[in-house]
Protein backbone atom coordinates (compact mmCIF):
# COMPACT_ATOMS: atom_id res chain seq x y z
CA UNK A 1 -17.05 72.85 22.53
CA UNK A 2 -15.53 71.62 19.49
CA UNK A 3 -13.15 74.26 17.54
CA UNK A 4 -12.32 74.61 13.98
CA UNK A 5 -9.65 75.86 12.80
CA UNK A 6 -9.45 78.22 9.03
CA UNK A 7 -6.90 78.98 6.65
CA UNK A 8 -7.71 82.34 4.98
CA UNK A 9 -6.38 84.04 2.38
CA UNK A 10 -4.89 87.55 3.59
CA UNK A 11 -7.45 89.74 1.44
CA UNK A 12 -10.45 87.72 2.68
CA UNK A 13 -8.88 88.00 6.66
CA UNK A 14 -8.64 91.89 5.98
CA UNK A 15 -12.30 91.96 3.87
CA UNK A 16 -13.97 89.91 7.39
CA UNK A 17 -12.08 91.80 9.81
CA UNK A 18 -13.00 95.44 8.61
CA UNK A 19 -16.59 93.98 8.39
CA UNK A 20 -16.33 92.52 11.96
CA UNK A 21 -14.92 96.22 12.81
CA UNK A 22 -17.60 97.88 11.23
CA UNK A 23 -20.04 95.89 13.05
CA UNK A 24 -18.27 96.22 16.89
CA UNK A 25 -17.14 92.56 17.27
CA UNK A 26 -14.60 90.16 16.69
CA UNK A 27 -13.72 88.02 13.67
CA UNK A 28 -14.43 85.08 15.06
CA UNK A 29 -18.06 85.94 16.21
CA UNK A 30 -18.76 87.53 12.64
CA UNK A 31 -17.56 84.23 11.14
CA UNK A 32 -20.13 82.49 13.79
CA UNK A 33 -22.83 84.56 12.78
CA UNK A 34 -22.45 84.07 9.18
CA UNK A 35 -21.85 79.86 9.87
CA UNK A 36 -25.30 79.99 11.56
CA UNK A 37 -27.08 82.36 8.31
CA UNK A 38 -25.46 80.45 6.00
CA UNK A 39 -27.08 76.92 7.54
CA UNK A 40 -30.30 78.57 8.25
CA UNK A 41 -30.81 79.82 4.60
CA UNK A 42 -29.89 76.20 3.75
CA UNK A 43 -32.42 74.43 6.00
CA UNK A 44 -35.13 76.89 4.47
CA UNK A 45 -34.20 76.15 1.38
CA UNK A 46 -33.94 72.17 2.05
CA UNK A 47 -37.15 72.76 3.45
CA UNK A 48 -39.20 74.54 0.20
CA UNK A 49 -37.85 71.66 -1.86
CA UNK A 50 -39.19 69.14 0.49
CA UNK A 51 -42.07 70.99 0.52
CA UNK A 52 -41.93 71.47 -3.52
CA UNK A 53 -41.55 67.79 -3.67
CA UNK A 54 -44.51 67.06 -1.33
CA UNK A 55 -47.00 69.34 -3.89
CA UNK A 56 -45.64 67.77 -7.30
CA UNK A 57 -48.11 65.08 -7.33
CA UNK A 58 -51.32 67.36 -6.12
CA UNK A 59 -49.93 69.53 -9.04
CA UNK A 60 -49.52 66.82 -11.79
CA UNK A 61 -52.89 65.44 -10.36
CA UNK A 62 -54.11 68.64 -10.86
CA UNK A 63 -52.66 69.38 -14.36
CA UNK A 64 -53.80 65.63 -15.18
CA UNK A 65 -57.47 66.76 -14.68
CA UNK A 66 -57.21 69.95 -16.41
CA UNK A 67 -55.96 68.27 -19.53
CA UNK A 68 -58.62 65.82 -19.21
CA UNK A 69 -61.34 68.50 -18.87
CA UNK A 70 -59.18 70.41 -22.47
CA UNK A 71 -59.74 67.18 -24.21
CA UNK A 72 -63.13 66.46 -23.48
CA UNK A 73 -63.89 69.80 -24.61
CA UNK A 74 -62.42 69.82 -27.86
CA UNK A 75 -63.96 66.53 -28.44
CA UNK A 76 -67.34 68.42 -28.13
CA UNK A 77 -66.58 71.65 -29.35
CA UNK A 78 -65.46 68.96 -32.98
CA UNK A 79 -68.55 67.75 -32.10
CA UNK A 80 -70.62 70.93 -32.25
CA UNK A 81 -68.57 72.05 -35.07
CA UNK A 82 -69.60 69.34 -37.15
CA UNK A 83 -73.07 69.76 -36.36
CA UNK A 84 -72.63 73.60 -37.42
CA UNK A 85 -71.20 72.30 -40.49
CA UNK A 86 -73.99 70.03 -41.54
CA UNK A 87 -76.33 72.76 -40.69
CA UNK A 88 -74.81 75.37 -42.78
CA UNK A 89 -75.00 72.55 -45.56
CA UNK A 90 -78.30 72.23 -45.22
CA UNK A 91 -79.70 75.52 -44.87
CA UNK A 92 -77.28 76.57 -48.20
CA UNK A 93 -79.03 73.71 -49.81
CA UNK A 94 -82.42 75.24 -49.00
CA UNK A 95 -81.42 78.75 -50.01
CA UNK A 96 -80.21 77.35 -53.41
CA UNK A 97 -83.67 75.75 -53.78
CA UNK A 98 -85.46 78.43 -52.50
CA UNK A 99 -83.54 80.77 -54.74
CA UNK A 100 -84.30 78.40 -58.04
CA UNK A 101 -88.20 78.75 -56.93
CA UNK A 102 -87.97 82.48 -56.72
CA UNK A 103 -86.27 82.49 -60.11
CA UNK A 104 -89.51 80.14 -61.29
CA UNK A 105 -91.46 82.84 -60.30
CA UNK A 106 -90.62 85.20 -61.25
CA UNK A 107 -90.08 84.30 -64.83
CA UNK A 108 -93.97 83.68 -64.15
CA UNK A 109 -94.87 86.40 -63.35
CA UNK A 110 -92.83 88.22 -66.05
CA UNK A 111 -94.58 86.59 -68.98
CA UNK A 112 -98.43 87.32 -67.27
CA UNK A 113 -97.15 90.85 -67.28
CA UNK A 114 -96.23 91.00 -70.53
CA UNK A 115 -98.06 93.39 -72.33
CA UNK A 116 -100.70 91.59 -75.29
CA UNK A 117 -100.92 93.64 -78.07
CA UNK A 118 -104.51 94.16 -78.98
CA UNK A 119 -105.58 93.15 -82.54
CA UNK A 120 -108.58 93.84 -84.34
CA UNK A 121 -109.36 90.46 -85.79
CA UNK A 122 -112.38 90.94 -88.96
CA UNK A 123 -114.63 88.36 -90.28
């Protein structure tokens, strides 16, 4: 089994010794355990990064599809807005024309309802 020799600052050595005593193991075993856990964490992070890298093209494709659908919806909404504005203009024109006709009819009715005073004409 390969051997690794470490030079540690005194404060770090004391801290490791304290943890090792609390856990009922030697400093060497504690360091081995910490190295294994650190390596496992690195492996998991690397695997997660690789999974993410594999998902990126799928995510990009999905986002492009969503963008295309949004652009299509925007185009449709602009067409619909133009249609509605045209219809609104047509309705407003018709309403304006109807108002004029009603006003003329009211004037005609008022003229017909003006009381005519009877005047006696002698022959």
